[in-house]
Amino acid sequence: MKIALPSRGNQIDDHFGHCEYFTVFTVDTASKKVVGSQVVPSPAGCGCKSNIAQTLASMGVTLMLAGNMGEGAVRVLKNSGIDVVRGCSGDITAVANNWLQGSLVDSGDCCHEHEHGCHS
């Protein structure tokens, strides 16, 4: 299984659409361990209007662990077969491990303010 996390350094980037890059972890669900990782460059501009969902889905990503994102981004990801867990923060490895241990649930929080100009 592969999970993606919008990242800035080794931290969850709170704004999915403008993250520095995406960290994609390959996990062994039987052992509940991360067994590999790769970095996927973030698209230029607003992530919610890019092809990042299709790119991640084509890599086999089925889950996004994120800080905050708008409903449009959630919809695009879900339409690409990627489930979303919002409300994550902190170190990306710790967040992935917390999810593997079953201690993360979707906060349901949505980003309603898009002052960066990609929404009209």
C-alpha atoms as a PDB file:
ATOM      1  CA  MET A   1       0.000   0.000   0.000  1.00  0.00           C
ATOM      2  CA  LYS A   2       1.154   3.563  -0.670  1.00  0.00           C
ATOM      3  CA  ILE A   3       0.249   6.677   1.290  1.00  0.00           C
ATOM      4  CA  ALA A   4       1.087  10.280   0.427  1.00  0.00           C
ATOM      5  CA  LEU A   5       1.717  13.200   2.767  1.00  0.00           C
ATOM      6  CA  PRO A   6       2.006  16.861   1.691  1.00  0.00           C
ATOM      7  CA  SER A   7       5.414  17.781   3.078  1.00  0.00           C
ATOM      8  CA  ARG A   8       7.685  20.693   3.911  1.00  0.00           C
ATOM      9  CA  GLY A   9      10.965  19.331   5.196  1.00  0.00           C
ATOM     10  CA  ASN A  10      10.068  16.361   7.384  1.00  0.00           C
ATOM     11  CA  GLN A  11       6.783  17.934   8.538  1.00  0.00           C
ATOM     12  CA  ILE A  12       3.199  17.764   7.268  1.00  0.00           C
ATOM     13  CA  ASP A  13       2.580  20.920   5.249  1.00  0.00           C
ATOM     14  CA  ASP A  14      -0.702  22.322   6.524  1.00  0.00           C
ATOM     15  CA  HIS A  15      -1.712  23.531   3.067  1.00  0.00           C
ATOM     16  CA  PHE A  16      -2.044  20.622   0.640  1.00  0.00           C
ATOM     17  CA  GLY A  17      -2.270  22.845  -2.449  1.00  0.00           C
ATOM     18  CA  HIS A  18       1.037  24.596  -1.863  1.00  0.00           C
ATOM     19  CA  CYS A  19       3.228  21.974  -0.224  1.00  0.00           C
ATOM     20  CA  GLU A  20       6.935  21.782  -1.010  1.00  0.00           C
ATOM     21  CA  TYR A  21       6.577  18.166  -2.195  1.00  0.00           C
ATOM     22  CA  PHE A  22       4.704  14.949  -1.445  1.00  0.00           C
ATOM     23  CA  THR A  23       6.312  12.142   0.511  1.00  0.00           C
ATOM     24  CA  VAL A  24       5.028   8.768  -0.646  1.00  0.00           C
ATOM     25  CA  PHE A  25       5.507   5.932   1.818  1.00  0.00           C
ATOM     26  CA  THR A  26       5.192   2.307   0.819  1.00  0.00           C
ATOM     27  CA  VAL A  27       3.791   0.398   3.774  1.00  0.00           C
ATOM     28  CA  ASP A  28       3.475  -3.268   4.596  1.00  0.00           C
ATOM     29  CA  THR A  29       0.013  -3.419   6.119  1.00  0.00           C
ATOM     30  CA  ALA A  30       0.616  -6.904   7.544  1.00  0.00           C
ATOM     31  CA  SER A  31       3.584  -5.758   9.657  1.00  0.00           C
ATOM     32  CA  LYS A  32       2.285  -2.165   9.945  1.00  0.00           C
ATOM     33  CA  LYS A  33       5.669  -0.771   8.926  1.00  0.00           C
ATOM     34  CA  VAL A  34       6.944   1.737   6.378  1.00  0.00           C
ATOM     35  CA  VAL A  35       9.148  -0.207   3.966  1.00  0.00           C
ATOM     36  CA  GLY A  36      10.073   2.515   1.474  1.00  0.00           C
ATOM     37  CA  SER A  37       9.661   6.153   0.557  1.00  0.00           C
ATOM     38  CA  GLN A  38      10.022   8.538  -2.334  1.00  0.00           C
ATOM     39  CA  VAL A  39       9.558  12.241  -2.943  1.00  0.00           C
ATOM     40  CA  VAL A  40       7.159  13.515  -5.590  1.00  0.00           C
ATOM     41  CA  PRO A  41       7.574  17.162  -6.616  1.00  0.00           C
ATOM     42  CA  SER A  42       4.580  19.371  -5.983  1.00  0.00           C
ATOM     43  CA  PRO A  43       3.050  20.878  -9.133  1.00  0.00           C
ATOM     44  CA  ALA A  44       3.514  24.582  -9.729  1.00  0.00           C
ATOM     45  CA  GLY A  45       0.552  26.712  -8.735  1.00  0.00           C
ATOM     46  CA  CYS A  46      -2.493  25.483  -6.904  1.00  0.00           C
ATOM     47  CA  GLY A  47      -2.419  21.749  -6.212  1.00  0.00           C
ATOM     48  CA  CYS A  48      -6.190  21.430  -6.279  1.00  0.00           C
ATOM     49  CA  LYS A  49      -6.259  22.379  -9.967  1.00  0.00           C
ATOM     50  CA  SER A  50      -3.269  20.263 -10.983  1.00  0.00           C
ATOM     51  CA  ASN A  51      -2.927  16.643 -12.032  1.00  0.00           C
ATOM     52  CA  ILE A  52      -1.304  15.599  -8.733  1.00  0.00           C
ATOM     53  CA  ALA A  53      -4.221  13.321  -7.789  1.00  0.00           C
ATOM     54  CA  GLN A  54      -3.888  11.375 -11.044  1.00  0.00           C
ATOM     55  CA  THR A  55      -0.102  11.278 -10.717  1.00  0.00           C
ATOM     56  CA  LEU A  56      -0.264   9.882  -7.190  1.00  0.00           C
ATOM     57  CA  ALA A  57      -3.013   7.410  -8.112  1.00  0.00           C
ATOM     58  CA  SER A  58      -0.949   6.127 -11.057  1.00  0.00           C
ATOM     59  CA  MET A  59       1.863   5.430  -8.569  1.00  0.00           C
ATOM     60  CA  GLY A  60      -0.507   3.299  -6.496  1.00  0.00           C
ATOM     61  CA  VAL A  61      -1.281   5.829  -3.745  1.00  0.00           C
ATOM     62  CA  THR A  62      -4.607   5.036  -2.068  1.00  0.00           C
ATOM     63  CA  LEU A  63      -4.453   7.326   0.985  1.00  0.00           C
ATOM     64  CA  MET A  64      -3.533  10.972   1.634  1.00  0.00           C
ATOM     65  CA  LEU A  65      -2.651  11.979   5.198  1.00  0.00           C
ATOM     66  CA  ALA A  66      -2.941  15.767   5.212  1.00  0.00           C
ATOM     67  CA  GLY A  67      -3.230  18.778   7.447  1.00  0.00           C
ATOM     68  CA  ASN A  68      -5.920  20.809   5.755  1.00  0.00           C
ATOM     69  CA  MET A  69      -7.502  20.997   2.336  1.00  0.00           C
ATOM     70  CA  GLY A  70     -10.622  22.260   0.662  1.00  0.00           C
ATOM     71  CA  GLU A  71     -13.587  20.131  -0.331  1.00  0.00           C
ATOM     72  CA  GLY A  72     -12.621  20.451  -4.006  1.00  0.00           C
ATOM     73  CA  ALA A  73      -9.260  18.828  -3.368  1.00  0.00           C
ATOM     74  CA  VAL A  74     -10.879  16.090  -1.265  1.00  0.00           C
ATOM     75  CA  ARG A  75     -13.335  15.401  -4.094  1.00  0.00           C
ATOM     76  CA  VAL A  76     -10.593  15.272  -6.758  1.00  0.00           C
ATOM     77  CA  LEU A  77      -8.509  12.886  -4.651  1.00  0.00           C
ATOM     78  CA  LYS A  78     -11.465  10.626  -3.877  1.00  0.00           C
ATOM     79  CA  ASN A  79     -12.461  10.591  -7.561  1.00  0.00           C
ATOM     80  CA  SER A  80      -8.932   9.310  -8.261  1.00  0.00           C
ATOM     81  CA  GLY A  81      -9.318   6.505  -5.717  1.00  0.00           C
ATOM     82  CA  ILE A  82      -7.398   8.218  -2.914  1.00  0.00           C
ATOM     83  CA  ASP A  83      -8.984   8.360   0.537  1.00  0.00           C
ATOM     84  CA  VAL A  84      -8.212  11.413   2.654  1.00  0.00           C
ATOM     85  CA  VAL A  85      -7.479  11.839   6.360  1.00  0.00           C
ATOM     86  CA  ARG A  86      -7.334  15.529   7.365  1.00  0.00           C
ATOM     87  CA  GLY A  87      -6.155  17.055  10.613  1.00  0.00           C
ATOM     88  CA  CYS A  88      -2.647  15.563  10.565  1.00  0.00           C
ATOM     89  CA  SER A  89       0.357  17.552  11.783  1.00  0.00           C
ATOM     90  CA  GLY A  90       3.946  17.088  12.796  1.00  0.00           C
ATOM     91  CA  ASP A  91       6.677  14.742  11.633  1.00  0.00           C
ATOM     92  CA  ILE A  92       5.664  12.817   8.499  1.00  0.00           C
ATOM     93  CA  THR A  93       7.101   9.503   9.689  1.00  0.00           C
ATOM     94  CA  ALA A  94       5.331   9.812  13.040  1.00  0.00           C
ATOM     95  CA  VAL A  95       2.051  10.651  11.277  1.00  0.00           C
ATOM     96  CA  ALA A  96       2.377   7.603   8.997  1.00  0.00           C
ATOM     97  CA  ASN A  97       3.169   5.366  11.960  1.00  0.00           C
ATOM     98  CA  ASN A  98       0.220   6.781  13.935  1.00  0.00           C
ATOM     99  CA  TRP A  99      -2.081   5.939  11.023  1.00  0.00           C
ATOM    100  CA  LEU A 100      -0.617   2.432  10.797  1.00  0.00           C
ATOM    101  CA  GLN A 101      -1.350   1.948  14.490  1.00  0.00           C
ATOM    102  CA  GLY A 102      -4.966   3.052  13.972  1.00  0.00           C
ATOM    103  CA  SER A 103      -4.759   6.247  15.995  1.00  0.00           C
ATOM    104  CA  LEU A 104      -5.704   8.754  13.251  1.00  0.00           C
ATOM    105  CA  VAL A 105      -9.184   9.652  12.037  1.00  0.00           C
ATOM    106  CA  ASP A 106     -10.304  12.290   9.566  1.00  0.00           C
ATOM    107  CA  SER A 107     -10.957  15.579  11.351  1.00  0.00           C
ATOM    108  CA  GLY A 108     -13.411  16.664   8.661  1.00  0.00           C
ATOM    109  CA  ASP A 109     -11.837  20.129   8.740  1.00  0.00           C
ATOM    110  CA  CYS A 110     -11.943  21.948   5.446  1.00  0.00           C
ATOM    111  CA  CYS A 111      -9.999  24.909   4.239  1.00  0.00           C
ATOM    112  CA  HIS A 112     -12.591  27.572   3.454  1.00  0.00           C
ATOM    113  CA  GLU A 113     -10.232  30.467   2.853  1.00  0.00           C
ATOM    114  CA  HIS A 114      -8.406  30.447  -0.442  1.00  0.00           C
ATOM    115  CA  GLU A 115      -6.689  33.810  -0.479  1.00  0.00           C
ATOM    116  CA  HIS A 116      -3.937  32.510  -2.734  1.00  0.00           C
ATOM    117  CA  GLY A 117      -6.066  33.199  -5.805  1.00  0.00           C
ATOM    118  CA  CYS A 118      -6.628  29.757  -7.321  1.00  0.00           C
ATOM    119  CA  HIS A 119     -10.366  29.855  -6.539  1.00  0.00           C
ATOM    120  CA  SER A 120     -12.884  32.369  -7.755  1.00  0.00           C
END
